[in-house]
Amino acid sequence: MNYSFKKVFVAACFGMLSFGMVMITIGSLLPELMNKFEMGSIAAGVLTSLLPVGILSGSLLFGPIADRYGYKWLMIISALLEAIGVI
């Protein structure tokens, strides 16, 4: 199998970019969400903690699947679901 470090690096950069975009979006929308749903600071903290927990659990659940069947379709589906979630 031909392993291209440049492609892997670019994919990792796009992954970090999309994670950062989602975290910034949550941070900027958090005051509005707190007002709309009448959340306290603890509930808001739990809400913002769900994203990293979801990323960790997704890595643990889908890591073995990606190792067995490859990353291409998992990354395509994940990117589409993330785009739908951001919209």
PDB file of N, CA and C in Angstrom:
ATOM      1  N   MET A   1       0.846  -1.176   0.000  1.00  0.00           N
ATOM      2  CA  MET A   1       0.000   0.000   0.000  1.00  0.00           C
ATOM      3  C   MET A   1       0.895   1.244   0.000  1.00  0.00           C
ATOM      4  N   ASN A   2       0.580   2.158  -0.858  1.00  0.00           N
ATOM      5  CA  ASN A   2       1.334   3.401  -0.972  1.00  0.00           C
ATOM      6  C   ASN A   2       0.820   4.396   0.074  1.00  0.00           C
ATOM      7  N   TYR A   3       1.680   4.784   0.991  1.00  0.00           N
ATOM      8  CA  TYR A   3       1.305   5.663   2.101  1.00  0.00           C
ATOM      9  C   TYR A   3       1.895   7.040   1.848  1.00  0.00           C
ATOM     10  N   SER A   4       1.025   8.019   1.628  1.00  0.00           N
ATOM     11  CA  SER A   4       1.472   9.371   1.341  1.00  0.00           C
ATOM     12  C   SER A   4       1.378  10.218   2.611  1.00  0.00           C
ATOM     13  N   PHE A   5       2.528  10.604   3.140  1.00  0.00           N
ATOM     14  CA  PHE A   5       2.541  11.424   4.352  1.00  0.00           C
ATOM     15  C   PHE A   5       1.918  12.790   4.105  1.00  0.00           C
ATOM     16  N   LYS A   6       2.061  13.320   2.917  1.00  0.00           N
ATOM     17  CA  LYS A   6       1.497  14.634   2.606  1.00  0.00           C
ATOM     18  C   LYS A   6      -0.034  14.589   2.656  1.00  0.00           C
ATOM     19  N   LYS A   7      -0.626  13.538   2.097  1.00  0.00           N
ATOM     20  CA  LYS A   7      -2.087  13.421   2.123  1.00  0.00           C
ATOM     21  C   LYS A   7      -2.599  13.238   3.543  1.00  0.00           C
ATOM     22  N   VAL A   8      -1.891  12.442   4.332  1.00  0.00           N
ATOM     23  CA  VAL A   8      -2.298  12.228   5.720  1.00  0.00           C
ATOM     24  C   VAL A   8      -2.182  13.526   6.509  1.00  0.00           C
ATOM     25  N   PHE A   9      -1.133  14.289   6.269  1.00  0.00           N
ATOM     26  CA  PHE A   9      -0.951  15.567   6.960  1.00  0.00           C
ATOM     27  C   PHE A   9      -2.064  16.545   6.589  1.00  0.00           C
ATOM     28  N   VAL A  10      -2.406  16.620   5.312  1.00  0.00           N
ATOM     29  CA  VAL A  10      -3.478  17.516   4.865  1.00  0.00           C
ATOM     30  C   VAL A  10      -4.808  17.088   5.475  1.00  0.00           C
ATOM     31  N   ALA A  11      -5.076  15.785   5.519  1.00  0.00           N
ATOM     32  CA  ALA A  11      -6.317  15.301   6.124  1.00  0.00           C
ATOM     33  C   ALA A  11      -6.360  15.629   7.609  1.00  0.00           C
ATOM     34  N   ALA A  12      -5.232  15.472   8.302  1.00  0.00           N
ATOM     35  CA  ALA A  12      -5.181  15.809   9.724  1.00  0.00           C
ATOM     36  C   ALA A  12      -5.404  17.303   9.940  1.00  0.00           C
ATOM     37  N   CYS A  13      -4.849  18.124   9.075  1.00  0.00           N
ATOM     38  CA  CYS A  13      -5.052  19.575   9.193  1.00  0.00           C
ATOM     39  C   CYS A  13      -6.518  19.940   8.994  1.00  0.00           C
ATOM     40  N   PHE A  14      -7.171  19.325   8.019  1.00  0.00           N
ATOM     41  CA  PHE A  14      -8.590  19.604   7.808  1.00  0.00           C
ATOM     42  C   PHE A  14      -9.434  19.100   8.980  1.00  0.00           C
ATOM     43  N   GLY A  15      -9.040  17.979   9.573  1.00  0.00           N
ATOM     44  CA  GLY A  15      -9.756  17.487  10.751  1.00  0.00           C
ATOM     45  C   GLY A  15      -9.645  18.449  11.912  1.00  0.00           C
ATOM     46  N   MET A  16      -8.432  18.966  12.158  1.00  0.00           N
ATOM     47  CA  MET A  16      -8.254  19.938  13.245  1.00  0.00           C
ATOM     48  C   MET A  16      -8.983  21.241  12.940  1.00  0.00           C
ATOM     49  N   LEU A  17      -9.006  21.637  11.669  1.00  0.00           N
ATOM     50  CA  LEU A  17      -9.721  22.848  11.278  1.00  0.00           C
ATOM     51  C   LEU A  17     -11.216  22.706  11.532  1.00  0.00           C
ATOM     52  N   SER A  18     -11.792  21.571  11.145  1.00  0.00           N
ATOM     53  CA  SER A  18     -13.227  21.390  11.355  1.00  0.00           C
ATOM     54  C   SER A  18     -13.556  21.286  12.846  1.00  0.00           C
ATOM     55  N   PHE A  19     -12.692  20.636  13.643  1.00  0.00           N
ATOM     56  CA  PHE A  19     -12.908  20.581  15.091  1.00  0.00           C
ATOM     57  C   PHE A  19     -12.880  21.985  15.678  1.00  0.00           C
ATOM     58  N   GLY A  20     -11.935  22.797  15.264  1.00  0.00           N
ATOM     59  CA  GLY A  20     -11.849  24.169  15.754  1.00  0.00           C
ATOM     60  C   GLY A  20     -13.055  25.003  15.363  1.00  0.00           C
ATOM     61  N   MET A  21     -13.531  24.809  14.133  1.00  0.00           N
ATOM     62  CA  MET A  21     -14.714  25.562  13.691  1.00  0.00           C
ATOM     63  C   MET A  21     -15.929  25.209  14.534  1.00  0.00           C
ATOM     64  N   VAL A  22     -16.092  23.937  14.826  1.00  0.00           N
ATOM     65  CA  VAL A  22     -17.238  23.518  15.629  1.00  0.00           C
ATOM     66  C   VAL A  22     -17.114  24.042  17.056  1.00  0.00           C
ATOM     67  N   MET A  23     -15.913  24.014  17.627  1.00  0.00           N
ATOM     68  CA  MET A  23     -15.724  24.520  18.987  1.00  0.00           C
ATOM     69  C   MET A  23     -15.976  26.032  19.049  1.00  0.00           C
ATOM     70  N   ILE A  24     -15.524  26.767  18.045  1.00  0.00           N
ATOM     71  CA  ILE A  24     -15.774  28.210  18.015  1.00  0.00           C
ATOM     72  C   ILE A  24     -17.256  28.490  17.866  1.00  0.00           C
ATOM     73  N   THR A  25     -17.936  27.691  17.048  1.00  0.00           N
ATOM     74  CA  THR A  25     -19.371  27.873  16.869  1.00  0.00           C
ATOM     75  C   THR A  25     -20.114  27.633  18.168  1.00  0.00           C
ATOM     76  N   ILE A  26     -19.744  26.580  18.881  1.00  0.00           N
ATOM     77  CA  ILE A  26     -20.393  26.312  20.172  1.00  0.00           C
ATOM     78  C   ILE A  26     -20.112  27.451  21.151  1.00  0.00           C
ATOM     79  N   GLY A  27     -18.871  27.926  21.181  1.00  0.00           N
ATOM     80  CA  GLY A  27     -18.521  29.005  22.093  1.00  0.00           C
ATOM     81  C   GLY A  27     -19.273  30.291  21.813  1.00  0.00           C
ATOM     82  N   SER A  28     -19.465  30.603  20.539  1.00  0.00           N
ATOM     83  CA  SER A  28     -20.161  31.851  20.219  1.00  0.00           C
ATOM     84  C   SER A  28     -21.672  31.722  20.366  1.00  0.00           C
ATOM     85  N   LEU A  29     -22.199  30.520  20.248  1.00  0.00           N
ATOM     86  CA  LEU A  29     -23.640  30.339  20.403  1.00  0.00           C
ATOM     87  C   LEU A  29     -24.062  30.028  21.836  1.00  0.00           C
ATOM     88  N   LEU A  30     -23.115  29.752  22.705  1.00  0.00           N
ATOM     89  CA  LEU A  30     -23.440  29.332  24.067  1.00  0.00           C
ATOM     90  C   LEU A  30     -24.279  30.348  24.842  1.00  0.00           C
ATOM     91  N   PRO A  31     -23.978  31.657  24.792  1.00  0.00           N
ATOM     92  CA  PRO A  31     -24.857  32.605  25.517  1.00  0.00           C
ATOM     93  C   PRO A  31     -26.302  32.589  25.014  1.00  0.00           C
ATOM     94  N   GLU A  32     -26.477  32.459  23.706  1.00  0.00           N
ATOM     95  CA  GLU A  32     -27.837  32.385  23.153  1.00  0.00           C
ATOM     96  C   GLU A  32     -28.544  31.117  23.612  1.00  0.00           C
ATOM     97  N   LEU A  33     -27.828  29.999  23.606  1.00  0.00           N
ATOM     98  CA  LEU A  33     -28.417  28.735  24.053  1.00  0.00           C
ATOM     99  C   LEU A  33     -28.775  28.783  25.535  1.00  0.00           C
ATOM    100  N   MET A  34     -27.919  29.427  26.324  1.00  0.00           N
ATOM    101  CA  MET A  34     -28.197  29.541  27.756  1.00  0.00           C
ATOM    102  C   MET A  34     -29.470  30.354  28.001  1.00  0.00           C
ATOM    103  N   ASN A  35     -29.649  31.439  27.249  1.00  0.00           N
ATOM    104  CA  ASN A  35     -30.862  32.257  27.404  1.00  0.00           C
ATOM    105  C   ASN A  35     -32.095  31.535  26.886  1.00  0.00           C
ATOM    106  N   LYS A  36     -31.976  30.905  25.727  1.00  0.00           N
ATOM    107  CA  LYS A  36     -33.133  30.265  25.096  1.00  0.00           C
ATOM    108  C   LYS A  36     -33.650  29.100  25.919  1.00  0.00           C
ATOM    109  N   PHE A  37     -32.739  28.274  26.423  1.00  0.00           N
ATOM    110  CA  PHE A  37     -33.147  27.083  27.153  1.00  0.00           C
ATOM    111  C   PHE A  37     -33.056  27.255  28.674  1.00  0.00           C
ATOM    112  N   GLU A  38     -32.782  28.483  29.126  1.00  0.00           N
ATOM    113  CA  GLU A  38     -32.710  28.814  30.546  1.00  0.00           C
ATOM    114  C   GLU A  38     -31.774  27.862  31.294  1.00  0.00           C
ATOM    115  N   MET A  39     -30.559  27.736  30.760  1.00  0.00           N
ATOM    116  CA  MET A  39     -29.556  26.853  31.356  1.00  0.00           C
ATOM    117  C   MET A  39     -28.693  27.634  32.322  1.00  0.00           C
ATOM    118  N   GLY A  40     -28.220  26.947  33.335  1.00  0.00           N
ATOM    119  CA  GLY A  40     -27.250  27.517  34.245  1.00  0.00           C
ATOM    120  C   GLY A  40     -25.843  27.278  33.714  1.00  0.00           C
ATOM    121  N   SER A  41     -24.872  27.728  34.466  1.00  0.00           N
ATOM    122  CA  SER A  41     -23.492  27.578  34.018  1.00  0.00           C
ATOM    123  C   SER A  41     -23.029  26.121  34.033  1.00  0.00           C
ATOM    124  N   ILE A  42     -23.557  25.330  34.951  1.00  0.00           N
ATOM    125  CA  ILE A  42     -23.175  23.910  34.988  1.00  0.00           C
ATOM    126  C   ILE A  42     -23.727  23.190  33.763  1.00  0.00           C
ATOM    127  N   ALA A  43     -24.969  23.444  33.421  1.00  0.00           N
ATOM    128  CA  ALA A  43     -25.558  22.811  32.243  1.00  0.00           C
ATOM    129  C   ALA A  43     -24.832  23.242  30.967  1.00  0.00           C
ATOM    130  N   ALA A  44     -24.431  24.501  30.907  1.00  0.00           N
ATOM    131  CA  ALA A  44     -23.682  24.974  29.739  1.00  0.00           C
ATOM    132  C   ALA A  44     -22.317  24.301  29.658  1.00  0.00           C
ATOM    133  N   GLY A  45     -21.690  24.094  30.816  1.00  0.00           N
ATOM    134  CA  GLY A  45     -20.407  23.393  30.834  1.00  0.00           C
ATOM    135  C   GLY A  45     -20.547  21.950  30.387  1.00  0.00           C
ATOM    136  N   VAL A  46     -21.622  21.303  30.808  1.00  0.00           N
ATOM    137  CA  VAL A  46     -21.872  19.928  30.368  1.00  0.00           C
ATOM    138  C   VAL A  46     -22.103  19.893  28.860  1.00  0.00           C
ATOM    139  N   LEU A  47     -22.846  20.862  28.370  1.00  0.00           N
ATOM    140  CA  LEU A  47     -23.111  20.922  26.930  1.00  0.00           C
ATOM    141  C   LEU A  47     -21.822  21.074  26.130  1.00  0.00           C
ATOM    142  N   THR A  48     -20.934  21.928  26.564  1.00  0.00           N
ATOM    143  CA  THR A  48     -19.684  22.114  25.834  1.00  0.00           C
ATOM    144  C   THR A  48     -18.742  20.928  26.019  1.00  0.00           C
ATOM    145  N   SER A  49     -18.916  20.152  27.066  1.00  0.00           N
ATOM    146  CA  SER A  49     -18.081  18.970  27.274  1.00  0.00           C
ATOM    147  C   SER A  49     -18.519  17.793  26.419  1.00  0.00           C
ATOM    148  N   LEU A  50     -19.714  17.843  25.902  1.00  0.00           N
ATOM    149  CA  LEU A  50     -20.209  16.719  25.119  1.00  0.00           C
ATOM    150  C   LEU A  50     -19.449  16.527  23.803  1.00  0.00           C
ATOM    151  N   LEU A  51     -18.962  17.593  23.204  1.00  0.00           N
ATOM    152  CA  LEU A  51     -18.253  17.459  21.928  1.00  0.00           C
ATOM    153  C   LEU A  51     -16.960  16.657  22.072  1.00  0.00           C
ATOM    154  N   PRO A  52     -16.065  17.003  22.993  1.00  0.00           N
ATOM    155  CA  PRO A  52     -14.861  16.172  23.130  1.00  0.00           C
ATOM    156  C   PRO A  52     -15.163  14.737  23.560  1.00  0.00           C
ATOM    157  N   VAL A  53     -16.178  14.555  24.411  1.00  0.00           N
ATOM    158  CA  VAL A  53     -16.563  13.197  24.819  1.00  0.00           C
ATOM    159  C   VAL A  53     -17.086  12.421  23.612  1.00  0.00           C
ATOM    160  N   GLY A  54     -17.852  13.082  22.770  1.00  0.00           N
ATOM    161  CA  GLY A  54     -18.348  12.438  21.555  1.00  0.00           C
ATOM    162  C   GLY A  54     -17.230  12.077  20.598  1.00  0.00           C
ATOM    163  N   ILE A  55     -16.240  12.939  20.484  1.00  0.00           N
ATOM    164  CA  ILE A  55     -15.108  12.648  19.611  1.00  0.00           C
ATOM    165  C   ILE A  55     -14.322  11.453  20.145  1.00  0.00           C
ATOM    166  N   LEU A  56     -14.101  11.415  21.449  1.00  0.00           N
ATOM    167  CA  LEU A  56     -13.373  10.289  22.046  1.00  0.00           C
ATOM    168  C   LEU A  56     -14.146   8.986  21.885  1.00  0.00           C
ATOM    169  N   SER A  57     -15.429   9.004  22.188  1.00  0.00           N
ATOM    170  CA  SER A  57     -16.211   7.772  22.061  1.00  0.00           C
ATOM    171  C   SER A  57     -16.335   7.344  20.604  1.00  0.00           C
ATOM    172  N   GLY A  58     -16.444   8.298  19.685  1.00  0.00           N
ATOM    173  CA  GLY A  58     -16.472   7.949  18.270  1.00  0.00           C
ATOM    174  C   GLY A  58     -15.174   7.324  17.811  1.00  0.00           C
ATOM    175  N   SER A  59     -14.065   7.818  18.325  1.00  0.00           N
ATOM    176  CA  SER A  59     -12.764   7.229  17.991  1.00  0.00           C
ATOM    177  C   SER A  59     -12.658   5.804  18.518  1.00  0.00           C
ATOM    178  N   LEU A  60     -13.140   5.591  19.735  1.00  0.00           N
ATOM    179  CA  LEU A  60     -13.064   4.249  20.313  1.00  0.00           C
ATOM    180  C   LEU A  60     -14.006   3.269  19.624  1.00  0.00           C
ATOM    181  N   LEU A  61     -15.178   3.755  19.214  1.00  0.00           N
ATOM    182  CA  LEU A  61     -16.142   2.866  18.569  1.00  0.00           C
ATOM    183  C   LEU A  61     -15.806   2.595  17.103  1.00  0.00           C
ATOM    184  N   PHE A  62     -15.458   3.651  16.367  1.00  0.00           N
ATOM    185  CA  PHE A  62     -15.261   3.501  14.935  1.00  0.00           C
ATOM    186  C   PHE A  62     -13.810   3.289  14.535  1.00  0.00           C
ATOM    187  N   GLY A  63     -12.883   3.424  15.484  1.00  0.00           N
ATOM    188  CA  GLY A  63     -11.476   3.165  15.181  1.00  0.00           C
ATOM    189  C   GLY A  63     -11.227   1.758  14.677  1.00  0.00           C
ATOM    190  N   PRO A  64     -11.720   0.738  15.399  1.00  0.00           N
ATOM    191  CA  PRO A  64     -11.523  -0.629  14.901  1.00  0.00           C
ATOM    192  C   PRO A  64     -12.199  -0.883  13.555  1.00  0.00           C
ATOM    193  N   ILE A  65     -13.352  -0.269  13.340  1.00  0.00           N
ATOM    194  CA  ILE A  65     -14.032  -0.435  12.046  1.00  0.00           C
ATOM    195  C   ILE A  65     -13.203   0.185  10.935  1.00  0.00           C
ATOM    196  N   ALA A  66     -12.657   1.377  11.184  1.00  0.00           N
ATOM    197  CA  ALA A  66     -11.836   2.043  10.181  1.00  0.00           C
ATOM    198  C   ALA A  66     -10.537   1.273   9.937  1.00  0.00           C
ATOM    199  N   ASP A  67      -9.976   0.700  10.985  1.00  0.00           N
ATOM    200  CA  ASP A  67      -8.762  -0.091  10.803  1.00  0.00           C
ATOM    201  C   ASP A  67      -9.019  -1.328   9.949  1.00  0.00           C
ATOM    202  N   ARG A  68     -10.180  -1.887  10.099  1.00  0.00           N
ATOM    203  CA  ARG A  68     -10.486  -3.102   9.341  1.00  0.00           C
ATOM    204  C   ARG A  68     -10.894  -2.807   7.897  1.00  0.00           C
ATOM    205  N   TYR A  69     -11.758  -1.807   7.686  1.00  0.00           N
ATOM    206  CA  TYR A  69     -12.325  -1.561   6.361  1.00  0.00           C
ATOM    207  C   TYR A  69     -11.752  -0.340   5.653  1.00  0.00           C
ATOM    208  N   GLY A  70     -10.970   0.462   6.332  1.00  0.00           N
ATOM    209  CA  GLY A  70     -10.392   1.656   5.719  1.00  0.00           C
ATOM    210  C   GLY A  70     -11.077   2.922   6.206  1.00  0.00           C
ATOM    211  N   TYR A  71     -10.417   4.024   5.950  1.00  0.00           N
ATOM    212  CA  TYR A  71     -10.875   5.314   6.469  1.00  0.00           C
ATOM    213  C   TYR A  71     -11.697   6.130   5.477  1.00  0.00           C
ATOM    214  N   LYS A  72     -11.612   5.803   4.213  1.00  0.00           N
ATOM    215  CA  LYS A  72     -12.189   6.669   3.189  1.00  0.00           C
ATOM    216  C   LYS A  72     -13.683   6.902   3.412  1.00  0.00           C
ATOM    217  N   TRP A  73     -14.474   5.851   3.485  1.00  0.00           N
ATOM    218  CA  TRP A  73     -15.918   6.029   3.605  1.00  0.00           C
ATOM    219  C   TRP A  73     -16.319   6.566   4.963  1.00  0.00           C
ATOM    220  N   LEU A  74     -15.607   6.183   6.003  1.00  0.00           N
ATOM    221  CA  LEU A  74     -15.895   6.722   7.325  1.00  0.00           C
ATOM    222  C   LEU A  74     -15.658   8.229   7.363  1.00  0.00           C
ATOM    223  N   MET A  75     -14.583   8.684   6.742  1.00  0.00           N
ATOM    224  CA  MET A  75     -14.294  10.119   6.725  1.00  0.00           C
ATOM    225  C   MET A  75     -15.302  10.876   5.865  1.00  0.00           C
ATOM    226  N   ILE A  76     -15.699  10.290   4.751  1.00  0.00           N
ATOM    227  CA  ILE A  76     -16.683  10.952   3.889  1.00  0.00           C
ATOM    228  C   ILE A  76     -18.019  11.096   4.614  1.00  0.00           C
ATOM    229  N   ILE A  77     -18.479  10.022   5.236  1.00  0.00           N
ATOM    230  CA  ILE A  77     -19.750  10.059   5.950  1.00  0.00           C
ATOM    231  C   ILE A  77     -19.674  11.014   7.143  1.00  0.00           C
ATOM    232  N   SER A  78     -18.570  10.985   7.867  1.00  0.00           N
ATOM    233  CA  SER A  78     -18.409  11.878   9.021  1.00  0.00           C
ATOM    234  C   SER A  78     -18.400  13.343   8.597  1.00  0.00           C
ATOM    235  N   ALA A  79     -17.711  13.652   7.511  1.00  0.00           N
ATOM    236  CA  ALA A  79     -17.669  15.035   7.031  1.00  0.00           C
ATOM    237  C   ALA A  79     -19.067  15.500   6.598  1.00  0.00           C
ATOM    238  N   LEU A  80     -19.803  14.629   5.946  1.00  0.00           N
ATOM    239  CA  LEU A  80     -21.164  14.999   5.539  1.00  0.00           C
ATOM    240  C   LEU A  80     -22.072  15.216   6.740  1.00  0.00           C
ATOM    241  N   LEU A  81     -21.984  14.347   7.742  1.00  0.00           N
ATOM    242  CA  LEU A  81     -22.804  14.517   8.941  1.00  0.00           C
ATOM    243  C   LEU A  81     -22.426  15.791   9.696  1.00  0.00           C
ATOM    244  N   GLU A  82     -21.136  16.102   9.732  1.00  0.00           N
ATOM    245  CA  GLU A  82     -20.704  17.330  10.392  1.00  0.00           C
ATOM    246  C   GLU A  82     -21.210  18.556   9.644  1.00  0.00           C
ATOM    247  N   ALA A  83     -21.154  18.513   8.315  1.00  0.00           N
ATOM    248  CA  ALA A  83     -21.662  19.648   7.530  1.00  0.00           C
ATOM    249  C   ALA A  83     -23.160  19.831   7.726  1.00  0.00           C
ATOM    250  N   ILE A  84     -23.881  18.733   7.794  1.00  0.00           N
ATOM    251  CA  ILE A  84     -25.328  18.817   8.040  1.00  0.00           C
ATOM    252  C   ILE A  84     -25.588  19.394   9.434  1.00  0.00           C
ATOM    253  N   GLY A  85     -24.787  18.983  10.414  1.00  0.00           N
ATOM    254  CA  GLY A  85     -24.960  19.483  11.778  1.00  0.00           C
ATOM    255  C   GLY A  85     -24.651  20.965  11.908  1.00  0.00           C
ATOM    256  N   VAL A  86     -23.654  21.448  11.166  1.00  0.00           N
ATOM    257  CA  VAL A  86     -23.301  22.855  11.240  1.00  0.00           C
ATOM    258  C   VAL A  86     -24.335  23.722  10.548  1.00  0.00           C
ATOM    259  N   ILE A  87     -24.923  23.208   9.503  1.00  0.00           N
ATOM    260  CA  ILE A  87     -25.947  23.968   8.766  1.00  0.00           C
ATOM    261  C   ILE A  87     -27.180  24.036   9.616  1.00  0.00           C
TER     262      ILE A  87
END
